[in-house]
Amino acid sequence: MLAVVKEPHIEMCLNGSEEAVNALLSVIRRSYEVSIVVENEHVDDGEEYVNIRDTEFWRERMTPGTVLQGYRLKHDLTQQQLAQKSGISYATISAYEHDKRAIARRAAMRIARALGEAEETFYNRLMN
């Protein structure tokens, strides 16, 4: 479920038990007007919605290195921890994240396994 607060603009993706999500929403509703978007539905508020991957922002800032860093942070790992789990050196992980070295398919697969991510999906996200 996606919860959207118009002012100030806040978007949250909420997952978990219905009871936990409703409890959190009740806290948020005390301070803000909240619109709820369920799954792939969207609020018809007259605004045009654009796939973020089609934006200039995405093309300029979402490099393979920043995507890798996002996955690493999602799994609450340091570069050193990811290096140990994947068997790829810390220096190489750092070079990947700073886009100083291209991420080879084989390395991407090792990182995906270390993160517990689907290998093909992970690789495609890095490269697109």
N, C-alpha and C. Protein backbone atom coordinates (compact mmCIF):
# COMPACT_ATOMS: atom_id res chain seq x y z
N MET A 1 0.85 -1.16 0.00
CA MET A 1 0.00 0.00 0.00
C MET A 1 0.90 1.23 0.00
N LEU A 2 0.50 2.24 -0.77
CA LEU A 2 1.22 3.49 -0.80
C LEU A 2 0.38 4.55 -0.12
N ALA A 3 0.94 5.21 0.88
CA ALA A 3 0.25 6.31 1.57
C ALA A 3 0.89 7.61 1.12
N VAL A 4 0.06 8.57 0.70
CA VAL A 4 0.57 9.83 0.18
C VAL A 4 0.03 10.98 1.02
N VAL A 5 0.93 11.81 1.52
CA VAL A 5 0.56 13.04 2.24
C VAL A 5 0.86 14.18 1.28
N LYS A 6 -0.15 15.00 0.96
CA LYS A 6 0.02 16.10 0.00
C LYS A 6 0.89 17.21 0.55
N GLU A 7 0.61 17.71 1.75
CA GLU A 7 1.36 18.82 2.33
C GLU A 7 1.79 18.48 3.74
N PRO A 8 3.02 18.42 4.09
CA PRO A 8 4.16 18.41 3.19
C PRO A 8 4.17 17.11 2.41
N HIS A 9 4.73 17.13 1.20
CA HIS A 9 4.65 15.96 0.33
C HIS A 9 5.49 14.81 0.90
N ILE A 10 4.80 13.72 1.22
CA ILE A 10 5.44 12.52 1.77
C ILE A 10 4.80 11.32 1.11
N GLU A 11 5.59 10.36 0.67
CA GLU A 11 5.06 9.10 0.16
C GLU A 11 5.72 7.97 0.93
N MET A 12 4.91 7.00 1.35
CA MET A 12 5.42 5.85 2.09
C MET A 12 4.83 4.58 1.52
N CYS A 13 5.64 3.57 1.38
CA CYS A 13 5.16 2.25 1.00
C CYS A 13 5.07 1.44 2.29
N LEU A 14 3.86 0.98 2.59
CA LEU A 14 3.64 0.26 3.85
C LEU A 14 3.37 -1.20 3.56
N ASN A 15 4.12 -2.06 4.20
CA ASN A 15 3.93 -3.50 4.09
C ASN A 15 3.84 -4.08 5.48
N GLY A 16 3.18 -5.18 5.60
CA GLY A 16 3.07 -5.84 6.89
C GLY A 16 1.64 -6.25 7.15
N SER A 17 1.37 -6.61 8.38
CA SER A 17 0.02 -7.05 8.71
C SER A 17 -0.94 -5.87 8.61
N GLU A 18 -2.18 -6.16 8.30
CA GLU A 18 -3.18 -5.11 8.18
C GLU A 18 -3.30 -4.32 9.49
N GLU A 19 -3.20 -5.02 10.59
CA GLU A 19 -3.29 -4.37 11.90
C GLU A 19 -2.15 -3.38 12.10
N ALA A 20 -0.93 -3.77 11.76
CA ALA A 20 0.23 -2.90 11.93
C ALA A 20 0.16 -1.69 11.00
N VAL A 21 -0.24 -1.92 9.74
CA VAL A 21 -0.36 -0.83 8.78
C VAL A 21 -1.42 0.17 9.25
N ASN A 22 -2.57 -0.33 9.69
CA ASN A 22 -3.64 0.56 10.16
C ASN A 22 -3.23 1.34 11.40
N ALA A 23 -2.47 0.72 12.28
CA ALA A 23 -2.00 1.42 13.47
C ALA A 23 -1.08 2.58 13.09
N LEU A 24 -0.18 2.33 12.15
CA LEU A 24 0.72 3.38 11.70
C LEU A 24 -0.05 4.49 11.00
N LEU A 25 -1.00 4.12 10.15
CA LEU A 25 -1.79 5.13 9.45
C LEU A 25 -2.59 5.99 10.42
N SER A 26 -3.09 5.41 11.50
CA SER A 26 -3.86 6.19 12.46
C SER A 26 -2.99 7.26 13.12
N VAL A 27 -1.73 6.94 13.36
CA VAL A 27 -0.79 7.92 13.93
C VAL A 27 -0.55 9.05 12.92
N ILE A 28 -0.34 8.70 11.68
CA ILE A 28 -0.07 9.69 10.63
C ILE A 28 -1.30 10.57 10.39
N ARG A 29 -2.48 9.97 10.41
CA ARG A 29 -3.72 10.72 10.16
C ARG A 29 -4.01 11.77 11.23
N ARG A 30 -3.44 11.62 12.41
CA ARG A 30 -3.64 12.62 13.46
C ARG A 30 -3.04 13.97 13.06
N SER A 31 -2.01 13.94 12.22
CA SER A 31 -1.32 15.17 11.85
C SER A 31 -1.52 15.58 10.39
N TYR A 32 -1.86 14.63 9.52
CA TYR A 32 -1.91 14.93 8.09
C TYR A 32 -3.14 14.31 7.44
N GLU A 33 -3.54 14.92 6.32
CA GLU A 33 -4.57 14.32 5.47
C GLU A 33 -3.84 13.29 4.59
N VAL A 34 -4.30 12.06 4.58
CA VAL A 34 -3.60 10.98 3.89
C VAL A 34 -4.48 10.41 2.80
N SER A 35 -3.90 10.22 1.62
CA SER A 35 -4.55 9.49 0.53
C SER A 35 -3.92 8.11 0.49
N ILE A 36 -4.73 7.11 0.26
CA ILE A 36 -4.23 5.73 0.22
C ILE A 36 -4.27 5.23 -1.21
N VAL A 37 -3.17 4.64 -1.66
CA VAL A 37 -3.11 4.02 -2.98
C VAL A 37 -2.86 2.53 -2.73
N VAL A 38 -3.72 1.69 -3.27
CA VAL A 38 -3.60 0.26 -3.07
C VAL A 38 -2.98 -0.38 -4.30
N GLU A 39 -1.92 -1.16 -4.07
CA GLU A 39 -1.19 -1.86 -5.12
C GLU A 39 -0.87 -0.94 -6.28
N ASN A 40 -1.37 -1.25 -7.50
CA ASN A 40 -1.01 -0.48 -8.67
C ASN A 40 -2.02 0.61 -9.01
N GLU A 41 -2.97 0.88 -8.12
CA GLU A 41 -3.92 1.95 -8.34
C GLU A 41 -3.22 3.27 -8.06
N HIS A 42 -3.83 4.37 -8.49
CA HIS A 42 -3.28 5.67 -8.13
C HIS A 42 -4.41 6.65 -7.87
N VAL A 43 -4.09 7.68 -7.15
CA VAL A 43 -5.07 8.70 -6.81
C VAL A 43 -5.25 9.60 -8.02
N ASP A 44 -6.50 9.81 -8.46
CA ASP A 44 -6.75 10.69 -9.60
C ASP A 44 -6.87 12.11 -9.09
N ASP A 45 -5.73 12.76 -8.96
CA ASP A 45 -5.70 14.11 -8.43
C ASP A 45 -5.37 15.14 -9.50
N GLY A 46 -5.47 14.72 -10.76
CA GLY A 46 -5.19 15.63 -11.86
C GLY A 46 -3.72 15.76 -12.20
N GLU A 47 -2.86 15.14 -11.42
CA GLU A 47 -1.43 15.19 -11.69
C GLU A 47 -1.05 14.08 -12.65
N GLU A 48 -0.06 14.36 -13.47
CA GLU A 48 0.43 13.36 -14.41
C GLU A 48 1.49 12.52 -13.70
N TYR A 49 1.36 11.21 -13.79
CA TYR A 49 2.34 10.32 -13.19
C TYR A 49 3.27 9.81 -14.28
N VAL A 50 4.56 9.78 -13.97
CA VAL A 50 5.58 9.39 -14.93
C VAL A 50 6.42 8.29 -14.30
N ASN A 51 6.76 7.29 -15.09
CA ASN A 51 7.67 6.25 -14.62
C ASN A 51 9.02 6.89 -14.35
N ILE A 52 9.52 6.75 -13.14
CA ILE A 52 10.78 7.41 -12.77
C ILE A 52 11.93 7.01 -13.67
N ARG A 53 11.90 5.80 -14.19
CA ARG A 53 12.99 5.35 -15.06
C ARG A 53 13.02 6.10 -16.39
N ASP A 54 11.93 6.81 -16.72
CA ASP A 54 11.87 7.58 -17.95
C ASP A 54 12.31 9.03 -17.75
N THR A 55 12.72 9.40 -16.56
CA THR A 55 13.06 10.79 -16.28
C THR A 55 14.55 11.06 -16.46
N GLU A 56 14.85 12.32 -16.69
CA GLU A 56 16.24 12.76 -16.80
C GLU A 56 16.99 12.49 -15.49
N PHE A 57 16.30 12.72 -14.37
CA PHE A 57 16.89 12.46 -13.05
C PHE A 57 17.42 11.03 -12.99
N TRP A 58 16.61 10.08 -13.38
CA TRP A 58 17.00 8.67 -13.31
C TRP A 58 18.20 8.40 -14.21
N ARG A 59 18.13 8.90 -15.44
CA ARG A 59 19.22 8.64 -16.39
C ARG A 59 20.54 9.25 -15.93
N GLU A 60 20.48 10.40 -15.26
CA GLU A 60 21.70 11.07 -14.82
C GLU A 60 22.26 10.50 -13.53
N ARG A 61 21.39 10.13 -12.61
CA ARG A 61 21.86 9.79 -11.26
C ARG A 61 21.84 8.31 -10.91
N MET A 62 21.04 7.54 -11.59
CA MET A 62 20.93 6.13 -11.21
C MET A 62 21.87 5.28 -12.06
N THR A 63 23.12 5.32 -11.67
CA THR A 63 24.16 4.55 -12.34
C THR A 63 24.19 3.15 -11.72
N PRO A 64 24.87 2.21 -12.36
CA PRO A 64 25.00 0.88 -11.74
C PRO A 64 25.54 0.96 -10.32
N GLY A 65 26.47 1.88 -10.08
CA GLY A 65 27.05 2.02 -8.74
C GLY A 65 26.04 2.49 -7.71
N THR A 66 25.19 3.45 -8.07
CA THR A 66 24.20 3.93 -7.11
C THR A 66 23.11 2.89 -6.87
N VAL A 67 22.79 2.11 -7.92
CA VAL A 67 21.81 1.03 -7.73
C VAL A 67 22.40 -0.03 -6.79
N LEU A 68 23.65 -0.40 -7.01
CA LEU A 68 24.32 -1.37 -6.13
C LEU A 68 24.33 -0.85 -4.70
N GLN A 69 24.68 0.41 -4.52
CA GLN A 69 24.71 0.98 -3.18
C GLN A 69 23.32 0.92 -2.54
N GLY A 70 22.29 1.20 -3.31
CA GLY A 70 20.93 1.14 -2.79
C GLY A 70 20.57 -0.26 -2.30
N TYR A 71 20.93 -1.27 -3.09
CA TYR A 71 20.66 -2.65 -2.67
C TYR A 71 21.45 -2.99 -1.41
N ARG A 72 22.71 -2.57 -1.36
CA ARG A 72 23.53 -2.87 -0.18
C ARG A 72 22.93 -2.23 1.06
N LEU A 73 22.52 -0.99 0.94
CA LEU A 73 21.93 -0.30 2.08
C LEU A 73 20.57 -0.89 2.46
N LYS A 74 19.82 -1.33 1.46
CA LYS A 74 18.54 -1.99 1.72
C LYS A 74 18.74 -3.21 2.63
N HIS A 75 19.86 -3.89 2.44
CA HIS A 75 20.17 -5.08 3.24
C HIS A 75 20.99 -4.75 4.48
N ASP A 76 21.15 -3.44 4.75
CA ASP A 76 21.83 -2.97 5.95
C ASP A 76 23.23 -3.56 6.09
N LEU A 77 23.98 -3.50 4.98
CA LEU A 77 25.35 -4.01 4.98
C LEU A 77 26.33 -2.88 4.70
N THR A 78 27.50 -2.98 5.27
CA THR A 78 28.59 -2.09 4.90
C THR A 78 29.25 -2.66 3.64
N GLN A 79 30.10 -1.86 3.01
CA GLN A 79 30.84 -2.38 1.86
C GLN A 79 31.71 -3.56 2.29
N GLN A 80 32.30 -3.45 3.46
CA GLN A 80 33.15 -4.53 3.97
C GLN A 80 32.35 -5.82 4.16
N GLN A 81 31.16 -5.70 4.73
CA GLN A 81 30.32 -6.89 4.94
C GLN A 81 29.90 -7.51 3.61
N LEU A 82 29.53 -6.67 2.63
CA LEU A 82 29.17 -7.20 1.32
C LEU A 82 30.36 -7.87 0.67
N ALA A 83 31.54 -7.29 0.84
CA ALA A 83 32.75 -7.90 0.30
C ALA A 83 32.96 -9.30 0.88
N GLN A 84 32.81 -9.42 2.19
CA GLN A 84 32.99 -10.72 2.83
C GLN A 84 31.96 -11.73 2.36
N LYS A 85 30.70 -11.30 2.27
CA LYS A 85 29.62 -12.22 1.87
C LYS A 85 29.73 -12.65 0.41
N SER A 86 30.22 -11.74 -0.44
CA SER A 86 30.26 -12.04 -1.87
C SER A 86 31.60 -12.63 -2.33
N GLY A 87 32.64 -12.46 -1.51
CA GLY A 87 33.96 -12.93 -1.92
C GLY A 87 34.63 -11.98 -2.89
N ILE A 88 34.09 -10.77 -3.03
CA ILE A 88 34.67 -9.73 -3.88
C ILE A 88 35.34 -8.73 -2.94
N SER A 89 36.52 -8.25 -3.30
CA SER A 89 37.26 -7.39 -2.39
C SER A 89 36.52 -6.10 -2.07
N TYR A 90 36.81 -5.58 -0.89
CA TYR A 90 36.24 -4.31 -0.46
C TYR A 90 36.56 -3.20 -1.47
N ALA A 91 37.81 -3.16 -1.94
CA ALA A 91 38.23 -2.12 -2.89
C ALA A 91 37.41 -2.20 -4.18
N THR A 92 37.12 -3.42 -4.61
CA THR A 92 36.33 -3.60 -5.84
C THR A 92 34.88 -3.17 -5.62
N ILE A 93 34.30 -3.53 -4.48
CA ILE A 93 32.93 -3.10 -4.16
C ILE A 93 32.87 -1.57 -4.15
N SER A 94 33.84 -0.94 -3.53
CA SER A 94 33.90 0.52 -3.49
C SER A 94 34.02 1.11 -4.89
N ALA A 95 34.88 0.52 -5.72
CA ALA A 95 35.04 0.99 -7.10
C ALA A 95 33.73 0.84 -7.89
N TYR A 96 33.01 -0.25 -7.68
CA TYR A 96 31.71 -0.44 -8.33
C TYR A 96 30.75 0.67 -7.92
N GLU A 97 30.65 0.91 -6.62
CA GLU A 97 29.68 1.88 -6.12
C GLU A 97 30.01 3.31 -6.55
N HIS A 98 31.27 3.59 -6.78
CA HIS A 98 31.67 4.93 -7.22
C HIS A 98 31.80 5.01 -8.74
N ASP A 99 31.31 3.96 -9.42
CA ASP A 99 31.32 3.89 -10.89
C ASP A 99 32.72 4.09 -11.48
N LYS A 100 33.73 3.62 -10.73
CA LYS A 100 35.10 3.67 -11.23
C LYS A 100 35.48 2.37 -11.91
N ARG A 101 34.60 1.39 -11.79
CA ARG A 101 34.83 0.08 -12.41
C ARG A 101 33.48 -0.49 -12.82
N ALA A 102 33.42 -1.02 -14.04
CA ALA A 102 32.17 -1.62 -14.52
C ALA A 102 31.91 -2.92 -13.76
N ILE A 103 30.64 -3.20 -13.53
CA ILE A 103 30.26 -4.42 -12.81
C ILE A 103 30.02 -5.52 -13.84
N ALA A 104 30.89 -6.50 -13.83
CA ALA A 104 30.77 -7.63 -14.76
C ALA A 104 29.57 -8.49 -14.35
N ARG A 105 29.00 -9.17 -15.31
CA ARG A 105 27.84 -10.02 -15.05
C ARG A 105 28.15 -11.05 -13.96
N ARG A 106 29.29 -11.68 -14.04
CA ARG A 106 29.66 -12.70 -13.05
C ARG A 106 29.72 -12.11 -11.64
N ALA A 107 30.29 -10.91 -11.51
CA ALA A 107 30.37 -10.24 -10.21
C ALA A 107 28.97 -9.87 -9.73
N ALA A 108 28.12 -9.40 -10.64
CA ALA A 108 26.75 -9.04 -10.27
C ALA A 108 26.01 -10.26 -9.72
N MET A 109 26.23 -11.41 -10.32
CA MET A 109 25.57 -12.63 -9.85
C MET A 109 26.06 -13.02 -8.46
N ARG A 110 27.35 -12.86 -8.20
CA ARG A 110 27.89 -13.16 -6.87
C ARG A 110 27.31 -12.21 -5.83
N ILE A 111 27.20 -10.95 -6.19
CA ILE A 111 26.64 -9.96 -5.27
C ILE A 111 25.17 -10.25 -5.01
N ALA A 112 24.43 -10.58 -6.07
CA ALA A 112 23.01 -10.92 -5.92
C ALA A 112 22.82 -12.08 -4.96
N ARG A 113 23.63 -13.12 -5.12
CA ARG A 113 23.54 -14.28 -4.21
C ARG A 113 23.85 -13.87 -2.78
N ALA A 114 24.87 -13.02 -2.60
CA ALA A 114 25.24 -12.56 -1.26
C ALA A 114 24.12 -11.75 -0.62
N LEU A 115 23.37 -11.03 -1.44
CA LEU A 115 22.27 -10.21 -0.92
C LEU A 115 20.95 -10.98 -0.81
N GLY A 116 20.92 -12.17 -1.40
CA GLY A 116 19.68 -12.95 -1.40
C GLY A 116 18.67 -12.41 -2.41
N GLU A 117 19.16 -11.76 -3.45
CA GLU A 117 18.31 -11.21 -4.50
C GLU A 117 18.28 -12.16 -5.69
N ALA A 118 17.21 -12.09 -6.47
CA ALA A 118 17.12 -12.88 -7.70
C ALA A 118 18.20 -12.38 -8.66
N GLU A 119 19.03 -13.28 -9.13
CA GLU A 119 20.21 -12.89 -9.89
C GLU A 119 19.89 -12.11 -11.16
N GLU A 120 18.99 -12.63 -12.01
CA GLU A 120 18.68 -11.95 -13.27
C GLU A 120 18.03 -10.60 -13.03
N THR A 121 17.11 -10.53 -12.08
CA THR A 121 16.44 -9.27 -11.77
C THR A 121 17.46 -8.24 -11.29
N PHE A 122 18.33 -8.66 -10.40
CA PHE A 122 19.38 -7.78 -9.86
C PHE A 122 20.26 -7.27 -10.99
N TYR A 123 20.72 -8.15 -11.84
CA TYR A 123 21.60 -7.76 -12.94
C TYR A 123 20.89 -6.78 -13.87
N ASN A 124 19.64 -7.07 -14.21
CA ASN A 124 18.89 -6.18 -15.09
C ASN A 124 18.70 -4.80 -14.49
N ARG A 125 18.48 -4.72 -13.19
CA ARG A 125 18.33 -3.42 -12.54
C ARG A 125 19.64 -2.65 -12.54
N LEU A 126 20.74 -3.35 -12.40
CA LEU A 126 22.03 -2.68 -12.45
C LEU A 126 22.30 -2.09 -13.82
N MET A 127 21.88 -2.80 -14.86
CA MET A 127 22.24 -2.41 -16.21
C MET A 127 21.20 -1.52 -16.90
N ASN A 128 20.03 -1.36 -16.29
CA ASN A 128 18.99 -0.53 -16.94
C ASN A 128 18.76 0.75 -16.22
